[in-house]
Amino acid sequence: WRIYQGMEEHSGYHFRGTWLHKLGLTFADENLQHDCHHLESHKGNFGTFWCDWLFDSQDFWLKVGREDGYIELCKKREQDALERDEYYRKLDEEKLKQSNE
C-alpha cells in the first residue's frame, strides 16, 4: 500500500475530484500536501499527515490554505511564469530587432 502511495505521490498527477478520489481510491489530498512540501524546500511532510501534526511541521501547508489554497497558489504561479516568459520573449524580440537595424 505504501509503495502505491509513494508512486502516486511522486507521479505528478492529482486525481482530486475524480470518481476514484470520491471512492477513496487515491491519495489525491496527500499528493497535494507532498507537492507543497517540495515547493517549500522540503519543510514538513514526514510521510503521513499525523506526523506533521505531531511535530508541528505543517505551517506552510496551513498558511497556504490546505488543498484548495495550494491549488490556487499553483495556478497563480503558473500564470506568473507564463507572463514572465512572455515578457522575456518580447525582450528578446526587441533585442533581435535592434541588432538587425
C-alpha atoms as a PDB file:
ATOM      1  CA  TRP A   1       0.000   0.000   0.000  1.00  0.00           C
ATOM      2  CA  ARG A   2       2.811   2.447   0.890  1.00  0.00           C
ATOM      3  CA  ILE A   3       4.577   1.661  -2.393  1.00  0.00           C
ATOM      4  CA  TYR A   4       1.419   2.541  -4.323  1.00  0.00           C
ATOM      5  CA  GLN A   5       1.034   5.710  -2.255  1.00  0.00           C
ATOM      6  CA  GLY A   6       4.654   6.698  -2.914  1.00  0.00           C
ATOM      7  CA  MET A   7       4.281   6.108  -6.650  1.00  0.00           C
ATOM      8  CA  GLU A   8       1.111   8.185  -6.826  1.00  0.00           C
ATOM      9  CA  GLU A   9       2.594  10.985  -4.711  1.00  0.00           C
ATOM     10  CA  HIS A  10       5.639  11.300  -6.968  1.00  0.00           C
ATOM     11  CA  SER A  11       3.808  10.814 -10.266  1.00  0.00           C
ATOM     12  CA  GLY A  12       2.938  14.491 -10.686  1.00  0.00           C
ATOM     13  CA  TYR A  13      -0.736  13.679 -11.182  1.00  0.00           C
ATOM     14  CA  HIS A  14      -3.546  14.559  -8.820  1.00  0.00           C
ATOM     15  CA  PHE A  15      -6.828  12.723  -9.036  1.00  0.00           C
ATOM     16  CA  ARG A  16      -8.717  15.076  -6.720  1.00  0.00           C
ATOM     17  CA  GLY A  17     -12.378  15.312  -7.672  1.00  0.00           C
ATOM     18  CA  THR A  18     -12.346  12.191  -9.860  1.00  0.00           C
ATOM     19  CA  TRP A  19     -14.606   9.246  -9.192  1.00  0.00           C
ATOM     20  CA  LEU A  20     -11.582   7.322  -7.912  1.00  0.00           C
ATOM     21  CA  HIS A  21     -10.987  10.044  -5.323  1.00  0.00           C
ATOM     22  CA  LYS A  22     -14.662  10.129  -4.365  1.00  0.00           C
ATOM     23  CA  LEU A  23     -14.485   6.388  -3.690  1.00  0.00           C
ATOM     24  CA  GLY A  24     -11.366   6.866  -1.579  1.00  0.00           C
ATOM     25  CA  LEU A  25      -9.122   5.001  -4.008  1.00  0.00           C
ATOM     26  CA  THR A  26      -6.497   7.716  -4.416  1.00  0.00           C
ATOM     27  CA  PHE A  27      -4.166   9.744  -2.239  1.00  0.00           C
ATOM     28  CA  ALA A  28      -5.045  12.984  -4.024  1.00  0.00           C
ATOM     29  CA  ASP A  29      -5.103  15.211  -0.947  1.00  0.00           C
ATOM     30  CA  GLU A  30      -1.890  13.741   0.408  1.00  0.00           C
ATOM     31  CA  ASN A  31      -0.294  14.249  -3.023  1.00  0.00           C
ATOM     32  CA  LEU A  32      -1.064  17.949  -2.846  1.00  0.00           C
ATOM     33  CA  GLN A  33       0.477  18.195   0.614  1.00  0.00           C
ATOM     34  CA  HIS A  34       3.520  16.283  -0.611  1.00  0.00           C
ATOM     35  CA  ASP A  35       3.971  18.651  -3.579  1.00  0.00           C
ATOM     36  CA  CYS A  36       3.593  21.600  -1.234  1.00  0.00           C
ATOM     37  CA  HIS A  37       6.389  20.082   0.877  1.00  0.00           C
ATOM     38  CA  HIS A  38       8.673  20.038  -2.199  1.00  0.00           C
ATOM     39  CA  LEU A  39       7.660  23.581  -3.123  1.00  0.00           C
ATOM     40  CA  GLU A  40       8.643  24.910   0.290  1.00  0.00           C
ATOM     41  CA  SER A  41      12.189  23.498   0.419  1.00  0.00           C
ATOM     42  CA  HIS A  42      11.236  20.163   1.941  1.00  0.00           C
ATOM     43  CA  LYS A  43       9.638  21.602   5.057  1.00  0.00           C
ATOM     44  CA  GLY A  44       7.160  19.348   6.764  1.00  0.00           C
ATOM     45  CA  ASN A  45       5.584  16.215   5.337  1.00  0.00           C
ATOM     46  CA  PHE A  46       7.094  13.385   7.313  1.00  0.00           C
ATOM     47  CA  GLY A  47       5.277  10.793   5.228  1.00  0.00           C
ATOM     48  CA  THR A  48       1.907  10.831   6.948  1.00  0.00           C
ATOM     49  CA  PHE A  49      -0.287  13.762   7.860  1.00  0.00           C
ATOM     50  CA  TRP A  50      -0.405  12.818  11.555  1.00  0.00           C
ATOM     51  CA  CYS A  51       3.393  13.126  11.828  1.00  0.00           C
ATOM     52  CA  ASP A  52       3.180  16.714  10.594  1.00  0.00           C
ATOM     53  CA  TRP A  53       0.537  17.424  13.210  1.00  0.00           C
ATOM     54  CA  LEU A  54       2.610  15.700  15.895  1.00  0.00           C
ATOM     55  CA  PHE A  55       5.846  17.553  15.023  1.00  0.00           C
ATOM     56  CA  ASP A  56       4.080  20.834  14.144  1.00  0.00           C
ATOM     57  CA  SER A  57       5.676  20.952  10.687  1.00  0.00           C
ATOM     58  CA  GLN A  58       2.588  21.786   8.614  1.00  0.00           C
ATOM     59  CA  ASP A  59       2.786  25.593   8.960  1.00  0.00           C
ATOM     60  CA  PHE A  60       3.253  26.396   5.245  1.00  0.00           C
ATOM     61  CA  TRP A  61       0.526  23.917   4.263  1.00  0.00           C
ATOM     62  CA  LEU A  62      -1.925  25.552   6.642  1.00  0.00           C
ATOM     63  CA  LYS A  63      -0.791  29.077   5.688  1.00  0.00           C
ATOM     64  CA  VAL A  64      -1.417  28.329   2.008  1.00  0.00           C
ATOM     65  CA  GLY A  65      -4.934  27.098   2.772  1.00  0.00           C
ATOM     66  CA  ARG A  66      -4.503  23.338   2.525  1.00  0.00           C
ATOM     67  CA  GLU A  67      -5.748  21.598  -0.665  1.00  0.00           C
ATOM     68  CA  ASP A  68      -7.808  24.424  -2.195  1.00  0.00           C
ATOM     69  CA  GLY A  69      -5.294  27.106  -1.281  1.00  0.00           C
ATOM     70  CA  TYR A  70      -2.412  25.099  -2.702  1.00  0.00           C
ATOM     71  CA  ILE A  71      -4.268  24.555  -5.982  1.00  0.00           C
ATOM     72  CA  GLU A  72      -4.870  28.325  -6.226  1.00  0.00           C
ATOM     73  CA  LEU A  73      -1.207  29.013  -5.424  1.00  0.00           C
ATOM     74  CA  CYS A  74      -0.148  26.657  -8.235  1.00  0.00           C
ATOM     75  CA  LYS A  75      -2.494  28.361 -10.694  1.00  0.00           C
ATOM     76  CA  LYS A  76      -1.104  31.773  -9.718  1.00  0.00           C
ATOM     77  CA  ARG A  77       2.490  30.568 -10.058  1.00  0.00           C
ATOM     78  CA  GLU A  78       1.711  29.090 -13.460  1.00  0.00           C
ATOM     79  CA  GLN A  79       0.137  32.365 -14.617  1.00  0.00           C
ATOM     80  CA  ASP A  80       3.116  34.325 -13.281  1.00  0.00           C
ATOM     81  CA  ALA A  81       5.501  32.019 -15.163  1.00  0.00           C
ATOM     82  CA  LEU A  82       3.549  32.470 -18.406  1.00  0.00           C
ATOM     83  CA  GLU A  83       3.627  36.248 -18.007  1.00  0.00           C
ATOM     84  CA  ARG A  84       7.352  36.170 -17.244  1.00  0.00           C
ATOM     85  CA  ASP A  85       8.011  34.003 -20.308  1.00  0.00           C
ATOM     86  CA  GLU A  86       6.011  36.403 -22.464  1.00  0.00           C
ATOM     87  CA  TYR A  87       7.962  39.378 -21.076  1.00  0.00           C
ATOM     88  CA  TYR A  88      11.328  37.757 -21.873  1.00  0.00           C
ATOM     89  CA  ARG A  89      10.130  36.669 -25.319  1.00  0.00           C
ATOM     90  CA  LYS A  90       9.213  40.264 -26.152  1.00  0.00           C
ATOM     91  CA  LEU A  91      12.517  41.485 -24.731  1.00  0.00           C
ATOM     92  CA  ASP A  92      14.420  39.009 -26.928  1.00  0.00           C
ATOM     93  CA  GLU A  93      12.432  40.129 -29.979  1.00  0.00           C
ATOM     94  CA  GLU A  94      13.293  43.761 -29.278  1.00  0.00           C
ATOM     95  CA  LYS A  95      16.999  42.954 -28.882  1.00  0.00           C
ATOM     96  CA  LEU A  96      16.958  40.974 -32.134  1.00  0.00           C
ATOM     97  CA  LYS A  97      15.182  43.814 -33.905  1.00  0.00           C
ATOM     98  CA  GLN A  98      17.709  46.365 -32.615  1.00  0.00           C
ATOM     99  CA  SER A  99      20.667  44.198 -33.625  1.00  0.00           C
ATOM    100  CA  ASN A 100      19.287  43.882 -37.154  1.00  0.00           C
ATOM    101  CA  GLU A 101      18.960  47.649 -37.592  1.00  0.00           C
END
